């Protein structure tokens, strides 16, 4: 699929942010999200990956913002470590799935 290498690069950057030792998991997810928001579901090669990306984005932006914050900040402010780690794990799984798909 055209552009899949660029999508893999963006996902890899997101995973790199998650693996950073700087900041709480919520802060690392916020940095990872800057790469994820650049990916559109149609850029992924199959429906399972598209649904996974859409679910991750939904899980990062479901809360209503307060004041000047955006949906991502509002969501992560209310996300505990266990839920944040679950979202991070799904980002890593999506990256691995795309990497495997591009190698076949």
PDB file of N, CA and C in Angstrom:
ATOM      1  N   UNK A   1       0.849  -1.181   0.000  1.00  0.00           N
ATOM      2  CA  UNK A   1       0.000   0.000   0.000  1.00  0.00           C
ATOM      3  C   UNK A   1       0.894   1.243   0.000  1.00  0.00           C
ATOM      4  N   UNK A   2       0.643   2.165  -0.924  1.00  0.00           N
ATOM      5  CA  UNK A   2       1.450   3.376  -0.975  1.00  0.00           C
ATOM      6  C   UNK A   2       1.366   4.164   0.324  1.00  0.00           C
ATOM      7  N   UNK A   3       2.505   4.657   0.772  1.00  0.00           N
ATOM      8  CA  UNK A   3       2.531   5.454   1.982  1.00  0.00           C
ATOM      9  C   UNK A   3       2.637   4.668   3.267  1.00  0.00           C
ATOM     10  N   UNK A   4       2.573   3.326   3.175  1.00  0.00           N
ATOM     11  CA  UNK A   4       2.606   2.509   4.388  1.00  0.00           C
ATOM     12  C   UNK A   4       3.930   2.636   5.130  1.00  0.00           C
ATOM     13  N   UNK A   5       5.011   2.838   4.403  1.00  0.00           N
ATOM     14  CA  UNK A   5       6.301   3.020   5.073  1.00  0.00           C
ATOM     15  C   UNK A   5       6.298   4.294   5.920  1.00  0.00           C
ATOM     16  N   UNK A   6       5.662   5.341   5.422  1.00  0.00           N
ATOM     17  CA  UNK A   6       5.561   6.596   6.180  1.00  0.00           C
ATOM     18  C   UNK A   6       4.681   6.396   7.420  1.00  0.00           C
ATOM     19  N   UNK A   7       3.611   5.631   7.264  1.00  0.00           N
ATOM     20  CA  UNK A   7       2.735   5.331   8.406  1.00  0.00           C
ATOM     21  C   UNK A   7       3.511   4.534   9.446  1.00  0.00           C
ATOM     22  N   UNK A   8       4.297   3.562   8.991  1.00  0.00           N
ATOM     23  CA  UNK A   8       5.114   2.773   9.920  1.00  0.00           C
ATOM     24  C   UNK A   8       6.114   3.669  10.637  1.00  0.00           C
ATOM     25  N   UNK A   9       6.673   4.631   9.939  1.00  0.00           N
ATOM     26  CA  UNK A   9       7.605   5.568  10.573  1.00  0.00           C
ATOM     27  C   UNK A   9       6.904   6.377  11.669  1.00  0.00           C
ATOM     28  N   UNK A  10       5.694   6.858  11.387  1.00  0.00           N
ATOM     29  CA  UNK A  10       4.943   7.620  12.391  1.00  0.00           C
ATOM     30  C   UNK A  10       4.611   6.754  13.604  1.00  0.00           C
ATOM     31  N   UNK A  11       4.188   5.512  13.345  1.00  0.00           N
ATOM     32  CA  UNK A  11       3.897   4.594  14.455  1.00  0.00           C
ATOM     33  C   UNK A  11       5.161   4.285  15.248  1.00  0.00           C
ATOM     34  N   UNK A  12       6.265   4.119  14.560  1.00  0.00           N
ATOM     35  CA  UNK A  12       7.535   3.846  15.241  1.00  0.00           C
ATOM     36  C   UNK A  12       7.947   5.019  16.131  1.00  0.00           C
ATOM     37  N   UNK A  13       7.711   6.230  15.657  1.00  0.00           N
ATOM     38  CA  UNK A  13       7.998   7.413  16.475  1.00  0.00           C
ATOM     39  C   UNK A  13       7.101   7.438  17.709  1.00  0.00           C
ATOM     40  N   UNK A  14       5.844   7.054  17.541  1.00  0.00           N
ATOM     41  CA  UNK A  14       4.930   6.996  18.684  1.00  0.00           C
ATOM     42  C   UNK A  14       5.419   5.970  19.699  1.00  0.00           C
ATOM     43  N   UNK A  15       5.838   4.813  19.213  1.00  0.00           N
ATOM     44  CA  UNK A  15       6.347   3.764  20.107  1.00  0.00           C
ATOM     45  C   UNK A  15       7.604   4.244  20.814  1.00  0.00           C
ATOM     46  N   UNK A  16       8.452   4.948  20.104  1.00  0.00           N
ATOM     47  CA  UNK A  16       9.670   5.488  20.718  1.00  0.00           C
ATOM     48  C   UNK A  16       9.325   6.442  21.858  1.00  0.00           C
ATOM     49  N   UNK A  17       8.312   7.270  21.656  1.00  0.00           N
ATOM     50  CA  UNK A  17       7.864   8.179  22.722  1.00  0.00           C
ATOM     51  C   UNK A  17       7.369   7.381  23.931  1.00  0.00           C
ATOM     52  N   UNK A  18       6.665   6.300  23.681  1.00  0.00           N
ATOM     53  CA  UNK A  18       6.144   5.479  24.778  1.00  0.00           C
ATOM     54  C   UNK A  18       7.268   4.829  25.561  1.00  0.00           C
ATOM     55  N   UNK A  19       8.335   4.489  24.874  1.00  0.00           N
ATOM     56  CA  UNK A  19       9.468   3.825  25.517  1.00  0.00           C
ATOM     57  C   UNK A  19      10.406   4.771  26.233  1.00  0.00           C
ATOM     58  N   UNK A  20      10.161   6.058  26.088  1.00  0.00           N
ATOM     59  CA  UNK A  20      10.990   7.053  26.754  1.00  0.00           C
ATOM     60  C   UNK A  20      10.892   6.890  28.266  1.00  0.00           C
ATOM     61  N   UNK A  21      11.944   7.270  28.938  1.00  0.00           N
ATOM     62  CA  UNK A  21      11.924   7.212  30.405  1.00  0.00           C
ATOM     63  C   UNK A  21      11.541   8.542  31.015  1.00  0.00           C
ATOM     64  N   UNK A  22      11.206   9.501  30.166  1.00  0.00           N
ATOM     65  CA  UNK A  22      10.865  10.836  30.643  1.00  0.00           C
ATOM     66  C   UNK A  22       9.350  10.984  30.774  1.00  0.00           C
ATOM     67  N   UNK A  23       8.898  11.200  31.989  1.00  0.00           N
ATOM     68  CA  UNK A  23       7.490  11.477  32.218  1.00  0.00           C
ATOM     69  C   UNK A  23       6.648  10.252  32.529  1.00  0.00           C
ATOM     70  N   UNK A  24       5.482  10.535  33.095  1.00  0.00           N
ATOM     71  CA  UNK A  24       4.511   9.493  33.389  1.00  0.00           C
ATOM     72  C   UNK A  24       3.963   8.939  32.083  1.00  0.00           C
ATOM     73  N   UNK A  25       3.312   7.786  32.144  1.00  0.00           N
ATOM     74  CA  UNK A  25       2.773   7.164  30.944  1.00  0.00           C
ATOM     75  C   UNK A  25       1.782   8.095  30.233  1.00  0.00           C
ATOM     76  N   UNK A  26       1.020   8.851  30.978  1.00  0.00           N
ATOM     77  CA  UNK A  26       0.081   9.782  30.357  1.00  0.00           C
ATOM     78  C   UNK A  26       0.810  10.851  29.542  1.00  0.00           C
ATOM     79  N   UNK A  27       1.932  11.333  30.048  1.00  0.00           N
ATOM     80  CA  UNK A  27       2.723  12.327  29.315  1.00  0.00           C
ATOM     81  C   UNK A  27       3.332  11.716  28.057  1.00  0.00           C
ATOM     82  N   UNK A  28       3.793  10.482  28.184  1.00  0.00           N
ATOM     83  CA  UNK A  28       4.364   9.803  27.013  1.00  0.00           C
ATOM     84  C   UNK A  28       3.299   9.513  25.968  1.00  0.00           C
ATOM     85  N   UNK A  29       2.085   9.161  26.426  1.00  0.00           N
ATOM     86  CA  UNK A  29       0.979   8.957  25.481  1.00  0.00           C
ATOM     87  C   UNK A  29       0.642  10.251  24.755  1.00  0.00           C
ATOM     88  N   UNK A  30       0.678  11.360  25.454  1.00  0.00           N
ATOM     89  CA  UNK A  30       0.406  12.648  24.813  1.00  0.00           C
ATOM     90  C   UNK A  30       1.420  12.922  23.709  1.00  0.00           C
ATOM     91  N   UNK A  31       2.682  12.636  23.980  1.00  0.00           N
ATOM     92  CA  UNK A  31       3.719  12.836  22.942  1.00  0.00           C
ATOM     93  C   UNK A  31       3.532  11.847  21.792  1.00  0.00           C
ATOM     94  N   UNK A  32       3.181  10.613  22.111  1.00  0.00           N
ATOM     95  CA  UNK A  32       2.941   9.598  21.068  1.00  0.00           C
ATOM     96  C   UNK A  32       1.756  10.004  20.191  1.00  0.00           C
ATOM     97  N   UNK A  33       0.758  10.609  20.814  1.00  0.00           N
ATOM     98  CA  UNK A  33      -0.447  11.013  20.080  1.00  0.00           C
ATOM     99  C   UNK A  33      -0.144  12.031  18.991  1.00  0.00           C
ATOM    100  N   UNK A  34       0.904  12.836  19.170  1.00  0.00           N
ATOM    101  CA  UNK A  34       1.245  13.819  18.132  1.00  0.00           C
ATOM    102  C   UNK A  34       1.601  13.125  16.823  1.00  0.00           C
ATOM    103  N   UNK A  35       2.094  11.904  16.908  1.00  0.00           N
ATOM    104  CA  UNK A  35       2.410  11.126  15.702  1.00  0.00           C
ATOM    105  C   UNK A  35       1.180  10.372  15.212  1.00  0.00           C
ATOM    106  N   UNK A  36       0.384   9.858  16.133  1.00  0.00           N
ATOM    107  CA  UNK A  36      -0.801   9.081  15.765  1.00  0.00           C
ATOM    108  C   UNK A  36      -1.843   9.923  15.041  1.00  0.00           C
ATOM    109  N   UNK A  37      -2.010  11.170  15.457  1.00  0.00           N
ATOM    110  CA  UNK A  37      -3.048  11.989  14.835  1.00  0.00           C
ATOM    111  C   UNK A  37      -2.746  12.281  13.364  1.00  0.00           C
ATOM    112  N   UNK A  38      -1.516  12.066  12.953  1.00  0.00           N
ATOM    113  CA  UNK A  38      -1.133  12.285  11.553  1.00  0.00           C
ATOM    114  C   UNK A  38      -1.514  11.107  10.659  1.00  0.00           C
ATOM    115  N   UNK A  39      -1.962  10.007  11.265  1.00  0.00           N
ATOM    116  CA  UNK A  39      -2.288   8.795  10.512  1.00  0.00           C
ATOM    117  C   UNK A  39      -3.796   8.710  10.329  1.00  0.00           C
ATOM    118  N   UNK A  40      -4.217   8.529   9.099  1.00  0.00           N
ATOM    119  CA  UNK A  40      -5.631   8.330   8.787  1.00  0.00           C
ATOM    120  C   UNK A  40      -5.881   6.824   8.632  1.00  0.00           C
ATOM    121  N   UNK A  41      -7.019   6.338   9.098  1.00  0.00           N
ATOM    122  CA  UNK A  41      -7.292   4.890   9.011  1.00  0.00           C
ATOM    123  C   UNK A  41      -7.126   4.317   7.605  1.00  0.00           C
ATOM    124  N   UNK A  42      -7.525   5.049   6.585  1.00  0.00           N
ATOM    125  CA  UNK A  42      -7.433   4.533   5.215  1.00  0.00           C
ATOM    126  C   UNK A  42      -5.987   4.323   4.752  1.00  0.00           C
ATOM    127  N   UNK A  43      -5.028   4.849   5.512  1.00  0.00           N
ATOM    128  CA  UNK A  43      -3.622   4.649   5.166  1.00  0.00           C
ATOM    129  C   UNK A  43      -3.119   3.273   5.609  1.00  0.00           C
ATOM    130  N   UNK A  44      -3.900   2.584   6.409  1.00  0.00           N
ATOM    131  CA  UNK A  44      -3.502   1.259   6.887  1.00  0.00           C
ATOM    132  C   UNK A  44      -4.022   0.195   5.930  1.00  0.00           C
ATOM    133  N   UNK A  45      -3.302  -0.932   5.801  1.00  0.00           N
ATOM    134  CA  UNK A  45      -3.613  -1.899   4.756  1.00  0.00           C
ATOM    135  C   UNK A  45      -4.827  -2.802   4.994  1.00  0.00           C
ATOM    136  N   UNK A  46      -5.357  -2.893   6.208  1.00  0.00           N
ATOM    137  CA  UNK A  46      -6.526  -3.759   6.382  1.00  0.00           C
ATOM    138  C   UNK A  46      -7.485  -3.219   7.436  1.00  0.00           C
ATOM    139  N   UNK A  47      -8.683  -3.764   7.427  1.00  0.00           N
ATOM    140  CA  UNK A  47      -9.746  -3.271   8.305  1.00  0.00           C
ATOM    141  C   UNK A  47      -9.424  -3.454   9.786  1.00  0.00           C
ATOM    142  N   UNK A  48      -8.768  -4.544  10.151  1.00  0.00           N
ATOM    143  CA  UNK A  48      -8.429  -4.759  11.560  1.00  0.00           C
ATOM    144  C   UNK A  48      -7.527  -3.647  12.081  1.00  0.00           C
ATOM    145  N   UNK A  49      -6.527  -3.282  11.304  1.00  0.00           N
ATOM    146  CA  UNK A  49      -5.620  -2.205  11.713  1.00  0.00           C
ATOM    147  C   UNK A  49      -6.341  -0.866  11.737  1.00  0.00           C
ATOM    148  N   UNK A  50      -7.235  -0.660  10.785  1.00  0.00           N
ATOM    149  CA  UNK A  50      -7.995   0.594  10.757  1.00  0.00           C
ATOM    150  C   UNK A  50      -8.864   0.723  12.000  1.00  0.00           C
ATOM    151  N   UNK A  51      -9.534  -0.373  12.359  1.00  0.00           N
ATOM    152  CA  UNK A  51     -10.372  -0.355  13.566  1.00  0.00           C
ATOM    153  C   UNK A  51      -9.520  -0.144  14.816  1.00  0.00           C
ATOM    154  N   UNK A  52      -8.340  -0.759  14.848  1.00  0.00           N
ATOM    155  CA  UNK A  52      -7.460  -0.604  16.003  1.00  0.00           C
ATOM    156  C   UNK A  52      -7.028   0.854  16.148  1.00  0.00           C
ATOM    157  N   UNK A  53      -6.636   1.487  15.048  1.00  0.00           N
ATOM    158  CA  UNK A  53      -6.232   2.898  15.087  1.00  0.00           C
ATOM    159  C   UNK A  53      -7.398   3.771  15.532  1.00  0.00           C
ATOM    160  N   UNK A  54      -8.572   3.541  14.970  1.00  0.00           N
ATOM    161  CA  UNK A  54      -9.739   4.338  15.355  1.00  0.00           C
ATOM    162  C   UNK A  54     -10.044   4.170  16.842  1.00  0.00           C
ATOM    163  N   UNK A  55      -9.929   2.947  17.351  1.00  0.00           N
ATOM    164  CA  UNK A  55     -10.171   2.699  18.766  1.00  0.00           C
ATOM    165  C   UNK A  55      -9.159   3.392  19.659  1.00  0.00           C
ATOM    166  N   UNK A  56      -7.901   3.376  19.245  1.00  0.00           N
ATOM    167  CA  UNK A  56      -6.852   4.052  20.016  1.00  0.00           C
ATOM    168  C   UNK A  56      -7.129   5.553  20.060  1.00  0.00           C
ATOM    169  N   UNK A  57      -7.428   6.129  18.905  1.00  0.00           N
ATOM    170  CA  UNK A  57      -7.715   7.567  18.859  1.00  0.00           C
ATOM    171  C   UNK A  57      -8.935   7.902  19.720  1.00  0.00           C
ATOM    172  N   UNK A  58      -9.958   7.056  19.661  1.00  0.00           N
ATOM    173  CA  UNK A  58     -11.143   7.282  20.498  1.00  0.00           C
ATOM    174  C   UNK A  58     -10.785   7.227  21.976  1.00  0.00           C
ATOM    175  N   UNK A  59      -9.971   6.257  22.348  1.00  0.00           N
ATOM    176  CA  UNK A  59      -9.585   6.109  23.751  1.00  0.00           C
ATOM    177  C   UNK A  59      -8.719   7.258  24.249  1.00  0.00           C
ATOM    178  N   UNK A  60      -8.102   7.986  23.334  1.00  0.00           N
ATOM    179  CA  UNK A  60      -7.257   9.122  23.720  1.00  0.00           C
ATOM    180  C   UNK A  60      -7.990  10.457  23.707  1.00  0.00           C
ATOM    181  N   UNK A  61      -9.235  10.453  23.225  1.00  0.00           N
ATOM    182  CA  UNK A  61      -9.922  11.745  23.049  1.00  0.00           C
ATOM    183  C   UNK A  61     -11.392  11.727  23.459  1.00  0.00           C
ATOM    184  N   UNK A  62     -11.786  10.856  24.368  1.00  0.00           N
ATOM    185  CA  UNK A  62     -13.207  10.740  24.692  1.00  0.00           C
ATOM    186  C   UNK A  62     -13.714  11.775  25.691  1.00  0.00           C
ATOM    187  N   UNK A  63     -12.857  12.355  26.499  1.00  0.00           N
ATOM    188  CA  UNK A  63     -13.305  13.259  27.571  1.00  0.00           C
ATOM    189  C   UNK A  63     -13.578  14.663  27.040  1.00  0.00           C
ATOM    190  N   UNK A  64     -14.549  15.300  27.659  1.00  0.00           N
ATOM    191  CA  UNK A  64     -14.857  16.692  27.335  1.00  0.00           C
ATOM    192  C   UNK A  64     -13.799  17.600  27.947  1.00  0.00           C
ATOM    193  N   UNK A  65     -13.245  18.512  27.172  1.00  0.00           N
ATOM    194  CA  UNK A  65     -12.219  19.417  27.702  1.00  0.00           C
ATOM    195  C   UNK A  65     -12.803  20.463  28.645  1.00  0.00           C
ATOM    196  N   UNK A  66     -11.943  20.936  29.525  1.00  0.00           N
ATOM    197  CA  UNK A  66     -12.293  22.023  30.437  1.00  0.00           C
ATOM    198  C   UNK A  66     -11.334  23.185  30.177  1.00  0.00           C
ATOM    199  N   UNK A  67     -11.879  24.368  30.159  1.00  0.00           N
ATOM    200  CA  UNK A  67     -11.024  25.537  29.957  1.00  0.00           C
ATOM    201  C   UNK A  67     -10.325  25.502  28.620  1.00  0.00           C
ATOM    202  N   UNK A  68      -9.006  25.706  28.649  1.00  0.00           N
ATOM    203  CA  UNK A  68      -8.210  25.795  27.430  1.00  0.00           C
ATOM    204  C   UNK A  68      -7.670  24.453  26.943  1.00  0.00           C
ATOM    205  N   UNK A  69      -7.884  23.374  27.695  1.00  0.00           N
ATOM    206  CA  UNK A  69      -7.313  22.088  27.292  1.00  0.00           C
ATOM    207  C   UNK A  69      -8.046  21.493  26.094  1.00  0.00           C
ATOM    208  N   UNK A  70      -7.384  20.580  25.405  1.00  0.00           N
ATOM    209  CA  UNK A  70      -8.018  19.877  24.299  1.00  0.00           C
ATOM    210  C   UNK A  70      -8.541  18.528  24.794  1.00  0.00           C
ATOM    211  N   UNK A  71      -9.169  17.771  23.910  1.00  0.00           N
ATOM    212  CA  UNK A  71      -9.766  16.484  24.289  1.00  0.00           C
ATOM    213  C   UNK A  71      -8.700  15.498  24.764  1.00  0.00           C
ATOM    214  N   UNK A  72      -7.545  15.516  24.129  1.00  0.00           N
ATOM    215  CA  UNK A  72      -6.465  14.611  24.529  1.00  0.00           C
ATOM    216  C   UNK A  72      -6.039  14.900  25.963  1.00  0.00           C
ATOM    217  N   UNK A  73      -5.792  16.162  26.272  1.00  0.00           N
ATOM    218  CA  UNK A  73      -5.367  16.532  27.622  1.00  0.00           C
ATOM    219  C   UNK A  73      -6.438  16.178  28.644  1.00  0.00           C
ATOM    220  N   UNK A  74      -7.699  16.432  28.305  1.00  0.00           N
ATOM    221  CA  UNK A  74      -8.794  16.116  29.223  1.00  0.00           C
ATOM    222  C   UNK A  74      -8.868  14.616  29.472  1.00  0.00           C
ATOM    223  N   UNK A  75      -8.709  13.838  28.424  1.00  0.00           N
ATOM    224  CA  UNK A  75      -8.774  12.380  28.565  1.00  0.00           C
ATOM    225  C   UNK A  75      -7.628  11.867  29.407  1.00  0.00           C
ATOM    226  N   UNK A  76      -6.405  12.299  29.098  1.00  0.00           N
ATOM    227  CA  UNK A  76      -5.245  11.785  29.818  1.00  0.00           C
ATOM    228  C   UNK A  76      -5.214  12.260  31.266  1.00  0.00           C
ATOM    229  N   UNK A  77      -5.788  13.404  31.531  1.00  0.00           N
ATOM    230  CA  UNK A  77      -5.868  13.891  32.909  1.00  0.00           C
ATOM    231  C   UNK A  77      -6.699  12.925  33.770  1.00  0.00           C
ATOM    232  N   UNK A  78      -7.670  12.269  33.139  1.00  0.00           N
ATOM    233  CA  UNK A  78      -8.567  11.369  33.859  1.00  0.00           C
ATOM    234  C   UNK A  78      -8.257   9.890  33.636  1.00  0.00           C
ATOM    235  N   UNK A  79      -7.151   9.589  32.999  1.00  0.00           N
ATOM    236  CA  UNK A  79      -6.790   8.207  32.697  1.00  0.00           C
ATOM    237  C   UNK A  79      -5.790   7.701  33.717  1.00  0.00           C
ATOM    238  N   UNK A  80      -6.123   6.573  34.354  1.00  0.00           N
ATOM    239  CA  UNK A  80      -5.190   6.017  35.335  1.00  0.00           C
ATOM    240  C   UNK A  80      -4.067   5.265  34.620  1.00  0.00           C
ATOM    241  N   UNK A  81      -3.051   4.886  35.372  1.00  0.00           N
ATOM    242  CA  UNK A  81      -1.871   4.246  34.795  1.00  0.00           C
ATOM    243  C   UNK A  81      -2.213   2.943  34.075  1.00  0.00           C
ATOM    244  N   UNK A  82      -3.108   2.146  34.647  1.00  0.00           N
ATOM    245  CA  UNK A  82      -3.457   0.855  34.030  1.00  0.00           C
ATOM    246  C   UNK A  82      -4.106   1.063  32.665  1.00  0.00           C
ATOM    247  N   UNK A  83      -5.054   1.989  32.574  1.00  0.00           N
ATOM    248  CA  UNK A  83      -5.702   2.257  31.292  1.00  0.00           C
ATOM    249  C   UNK A  83      -4.724   2.878  30.301  1.00  0.00           C
ATOM    250  N   UNK A  84      -3.863   3.755  30.775  1.00  0.00           N
ATOM    251  CA  UNK A  84      -2.862   4.371  29.899  1.00  0.00           C
ATOM    252  C   UNK A  84      -1.912   3.313  29.351  1.00  0.00           C
ATOM    253  N   UNK A  85      -1.509   2.391  30.201  1.00  0.00           N
ATOM    254  CA  UNK A  85      -0.633   1.309  29.737  1.00  0.00           C
ATOM    255  C   UNK A  85      -1.334   0.415  28.727  1.00  0.00           C
ATOM    256  N   UNK A  86      -2.637   0.197  28.906  1.00  0.00           N
ATOM    257  CA  UNK A  86      -3.388  -0.625  27.950  1.00  0.00           C
ATOM    258  C   UNK A  86      -3.431   0.041  26.576  1.00  0.00           C
ATOM    259  N   UNK A  87      -3.632   1.344  26.541  1.00  0.00           N
ATOM    260  CA  UNK A  87      -3.628   2.070  25.261  1.00  0.00           C
ATOM    261  C   UNK A  87      -2.233   2.016  24.637  1.00  0.00           C
ATOM    262  N   UNK A  88      -1.210   2.213  25.440  1.00  0.00           N
ATOM    263  CA  UNK A  88       0.170   2.156  24.934  1.00  0.00           C
ATOM    264  C   UNK A  88       0.469   0.783  24.340  1.00  0.00           C
ATOM    265  N   UNK A  89       0.004  -0.262  24.996  1.00  0.00           N
ATOM    266  CA  UNK A  89       0.221  -1.623  24.496  1.00  0.00           C
ATOM    267  C   UNK A  89      -0.440  -1.801  23.132  1.00  0.00           C
ATOM    268  N   UNK A  90      -1.623  -1.244  22.964  1.00  0.00           N
ATOM    269  CA  UNK A  90      -2.299  -1.364  21.673  1.00  0.00           C
ATOM    270  C   UNK A  90      -1.561  -0.599  20.583  1.00  0.00           C
ATOM    271  N   UNK A  91      -0.945   0.515  20.914  1.00  0.00           N
ATOM    272  CA  UNK A  91      -0.152   1.259  19.926  1.00  0.00           C
ATOM    273  C   UNK A  91       1.033   0.406  19.472  1.00  0.00           C
ATOM    274  N   UNK A  92       1.700  -0.222  20.413  1.00  0.00           N
ATOM    275  CA  UNK A  92       2.836  -1.089  20.077  1.00  0.00           C
ATOM    276  C   UNK A  92       2.363  -2.253  19.209  1.00  0.00           C
ATOM    277  N   UNK A  93       1.226  -2.858  19.556  1.00  0.00           N
ATOM    278  CA  UNK A  93       0.695  -3.978  18.765  1.00  0.00           C
ATOM    279  C   UNK A  93       0.363  -3.544  17.342  1.00  0.00           C
ATOM    280  N   UNK A  94      -0.208  -2.356  17.198  1.00  0.00           N
ATOM    281  CA  UNK A  94      -0.528  -1.844  15.860  1.00  0.00           C
ATOM    282  C   UNK A  94       0.746  -1.642  15.052  1.00  0.00           C
ATOM    283  N   UNK A  95       1.760  -1.098  15.670  1.00  0.00           N
ATOM    284  CA  UNK A  95       3.037  -0.886  14.980  1.00  0.00           C
ATOM    285  C   UNK A  95       3.629  -2.220  14.522  1.00  0.00           C
ATOM    286  N   UNK A  96       3.609  -3.204  15.400  1.00  0.00           N
ATOM    287  CA  UNK A  96       4.139  -4.527  15.046  1.00  0.00           C
ATOM    288  C   UNK A  96       3.332  -5.175  13.931  1.00  0.00           C
ATOM    289  N   UNK A  97       2.011  -5.041  13.993  1.00  0.00           N
ATOM    290  CA  UNK A  97       1.154  -5.627  12.955  1.00  0.00           C
ATOM    291  C   UNK A  97       1.438  -5.006  11.593  1.00  0.00           C
ATOM    292  N   UNK A  98       1.604  -3.694  11.551  1.00  0.00           N
ATOM    293  CA  UNK A  98       1.914  -3.029  10.288  1.00  0.00           C
ATOM    294  C   UNK A  98       3.289  -3.442   9.791  1.00  0.00           C
ATOM    295  N   UNK A  99       4.255  -3.520  10.680  1.00  0.00           N
ATOM    296  CA  UNK A  99       5.597  -3.951  10.294  1.00  0.00           C
ATOM    297  C   UNK A  99       5.547  -5.351   9.673  1.00  0.00           C
ATOM    298  N   UNK A 100       4.820  -6.262  10.300  1.00  0.00           N
ATOM    299  CA  UNK A 100       4.686  -7.634   9.754  1.00  0.00           C
ATOM    300  C   UNK A 100       4.015  -7.611   8.398  1.00  0.00           C
ATOM    301  N   UNK A 101       2.956  -6.815   8.269  1.00  0.00           N
ATOM    302  CA  UNK A 101       2.211  -6.755   7.006  1.00  0.00           C
ATOM    303  C   UNK A 101       3.088  -6.225   5.867  1.00  0.00           C
ATOM    304  N   UNK A 102       3.951  -5.298   6.166  1.00  0.00           N
ATOM    305  CA  UNK A 102       4.813  -4.719   5.127  1.00  0.00           C
ATOM    306  C   UNK A 102       5.932  -5.671   4.719  1.00  0.00           C
ATOM    307  N   UNK A 103       6.260  -6.611   5.596  1.00  0.00           N
ATOM    308  CA  UNK A 103       7.339  -7.558   5.291  1.00  0.00           C
ATOM    309  C   UNK A 103       6.843  -8.760   4.501  1.00  0.00           C
ATOM    310  N   UNK A 104       5.517  -8.928   4.387  1.00  0.00           N
ATOM    311  CA  UNK A 104       4.988 -10.085   3.644  1.00  0.00           C
ATOM    312  C   UNK A 104       4.585  -9.726   2.258  1.00  0.00           C
TER     313      UNK A 104
END
